[in-house]
Amino acid sequence: MIKLTRLNGKPFILNAIYIETIESFPDTTITLTNGRKYVIKETEEQAVRMVKEFYHSITLIGTHPLGEEDDE
């Protein structure tokens, strides 16, 4: 889950698993897999960073960039 802010300043929590797209129109708009859209105060870059951090926290993505391996 990530904490975002609506344009009116009201914060809300969104389950980032359901995000399909994040775009700037110029306001940052998040579209979910069910078609619902949210317009937020955060920039596109901030939203992407939060989603990546969330995915990392639930181990949906690894700790190393692609192509790098641990020394065993």
C-alpha atoms as a PDB file:
ATOM      1  CA  MET A   1       0.000   0.000   0.000  1.00  0.00           C
ATOM      2  CA  ILE A   2       1.215   3.519  -0.763  1.00  0.00           C
ATOM      3  CA  LYS A   3       0.071   6.816   0.718  1.00  0.00           C
ATOM      4  CA  LEU A   4      -0.870   9.447  -1.875  1.00  0.00           C
ATOM      5  CA  THR A   5      -2.540  12.856  -1.850  1.00  0.00           C
ATOM      6  CA  ARG A   6      -5.591  13.919  -3.854  1.00  0.00           C
ATOM      7  CA  LEU A   7      -5.500  17.328  -5.525  1.00  0.00           C
ATOM      8  CA  ASN A   8      -7.758  18.689  -2.742  1.00  0.00           C
ATOM      9  CA  GLY A   9      -5.043  17.789  -0.198  1.00  0.00           C
ATOM     10  CA  LYS A  10      -6.805  14.758   1.267  1.00  0.00           C
ATOM     11  CA  PRO A  11      -4.442  11.792   1.757  1.00  0.00           C
ATOM     12  CA  PHE A  12      -5.487   8.256   0.858  1.00  0.00           C
ATOM     13  CA  ILE A  13      -3.948   4.791   0.748  1.00  0.00           C
ATOM     14  CA  LEU A  14      -3.829   2.855  -2.522  1.00  0.00           C
ATOM     15  CA  ASN A  15      -2.984  -0.795  -3.110  1.00  0.00           C
ATOM     16  CA  ALA A  16      -0.151  -0.434  -5.642  1.00  0.00           C
ATOM     17  CA  ILE A  17      -0.635  -4.002  -6.885  1.00  0.00           C
ATOM     18  CA  TYR A  18      -3.611  -2.799  -8.960  1.00  0.00           C
ATOM     19  CA  ILE A  19      -1.828   0.083 -10.722  1.00  0.00           C
ATOM     20  CA  GLU A  20      -1.808  -0.310 -14.493  1.00  0.00           C
ATOM     21  CA  THR A  21      -0.440   3.090 -15.556  1.00  0.00           C
ATOM     22  CA  ILE A  22       0.970   6.295 -14.056  1.00  0.00           C
ATOM     23  CA  GLU A  23       0.845   9.300 -16.398  1.00  0.00           C
ATOM     24  CA  SER A  24       1.142  13.079 -16.319  1.00  0.00           C
ATOM     25  CA  PHE A  25      -1.556  15.062 -18.181  1.00  0.00           C
ATOM     26  CA  PRO A  26      -0.031  17.474 -16.641  1.00  0.00           C
ATOM     27  CA  ASP A  27      -1.533  16.295 -13.325  1.00  0.00           C
ATOM     28  CA  THR A  28      -0.321  12.859 -12.295  1.00  0.00           C
ATOM     29  CA  THR A  29      -3.036  10.315 -13.014  1.00  0.00           C
ATOM     30  CA  ILE A  30      -3.002   6.719 -11.824  1.00  0.00           C
ATOM     31  CA  THR A  31      -5.160   4.194 -13.658  1.00  0.00           C
ATOM     32  CA  LEU A  32      -5.966   0.910 -11.960  1.00  0.00           C
ATOM     33  CA  THR A  33      -6.528  -2.439 -13.645  1.00  0.00           C
ATOM     34  CA  ASN A  34     -10.301  -2.002 -13.136  1.00  0.00           C
ATOM     35  CA  GLY A  35     -10.257   1.317 -15.061  1.00  0.00           C
ATOM     36  CA  ARG A  36     -10.663   3.581 -12.026  1.00  0.00           C
ATOM     37  CA  LYS A  37      -8.517   6.726 -12.158  1.00  0.00           C
ATOM     38  CA  TYR A  38      -6.973   8.817  -9.384  1.00  0.00           C
ATOM     39  CA  VAL A  39      -5.477  12.286  -9.896  1.00  0.00           C
ATOM     40  CA  ILE A  40      -2.779  12.975  -7.319  1.00  0.00           C
ATOM     41  CA  LYS A  41      -0.519  15.820  -6.152  1.00  0.00           C
ATOM     42  CA  GLU A  42       2.652  13.733  -6.270  1.00  0.00           C
ATOM     43  CA  THR A  43       4.769  13.810  -9.412  1.00  0.00           C
ATOM     44  CA  GLU A  44       4.969  10.832 -11.726  1.00  0.00           C
ATOM     45  CA  GLU A  45       8.534  10.202 -10.537  1.00  0.00           C
ATOM     46  CA  GLN A  46       7.514  10.284  -6.866  1.00  0.00           C
ATOM     47  CA  ALA A  47       4.644   7.856  -7.492  1.00  0.00           C
ATOM     48  CA  VAL A  48       6.881   5.438  -9.408  1.00  0.00           C
ATOM     49  CA  ARG A  49       9.459   5.564  -6.594  1.00  0.00           C
ATOM     50  CA  MET A  50       6.770   4.780  -3.999  1.00  0.00           C
ATOM     51  CA  VAL A  51       5.473   1.863  -6.070  1.00  0.00           C
ATOM     52  CA  LYS A  52       8.996   0.453  -6.477  1.00  0.00           C
ATOM     53  CA  GLU A  53       9.615   0.778  -2.722  1.00  0.00           C
ATOM     54  CA  PHE A  54       6.314  -0.984  -2.019  1.00  0.00           C
ATOM     55  CA  TYR A  55       7.112  -3.818  -4.452  1.00  0.00           C
ATOM     56  CA  HIS A  56      10.535  -4.177  -2.831  1.00  0.00           C
ATOM     57  CA  SER A  57       8.999  -4.254   0.673  1.00  0.00           C
ATOM     58  CA  ILE A  58       6.773  -7.186  -0.269  1.00  0.00           C
ATOM     59  CA  THR A  59       9.628  -8.860  -2.191  1.00  0.00           C
ATOM     60  CA  LEU A  60       7.772  -8.578  -5.488  1.00  0.00           C
ATOM     61  CA  ILE A  61      11.030  -7.289  -6.953  1.00  0.00           C
ATOM     62  CA  GLY A  62      14.536  -8.311  -5.984  1.00  0.00           C
ATOM     63  CA  THR A  63      17.136  -6.301  -4.167  1.00  0.00           C
ATOM     64  CA  HIS A  64      19.584  -6.147  -7.096  1.00  0.00           C
ATOM     65  CA  PRO A  65      19.133  -4.556 -10.518  1.00  0.00           C
ATOM     66  CA  LEU A  66      18.685  -7.013 -13.380  1.00  0.00           C
ATOM     67  CA  GLY A  67      21.929  -8.574 -14.527  1.00  0.00           C
ATOM     68  CA  GLU A  68      23.660  -8.388 -11.141  1.00  0.00           C
ATOM     69  CA  GLU A  69      24.176 -11.460  -8.988  1.00  0.00           C
ATOM     70  CA  ASP A  70      25.238 -12.036  -5.400  1.00  0.00           C
ATOM     71  CA  ASP A  71      28.759 -13.244  -4.717  1.00  0.00           C
ATOM     72  CA  GLU A  72      28.323 -16.692  -3.222  1.00  0.00           C
END
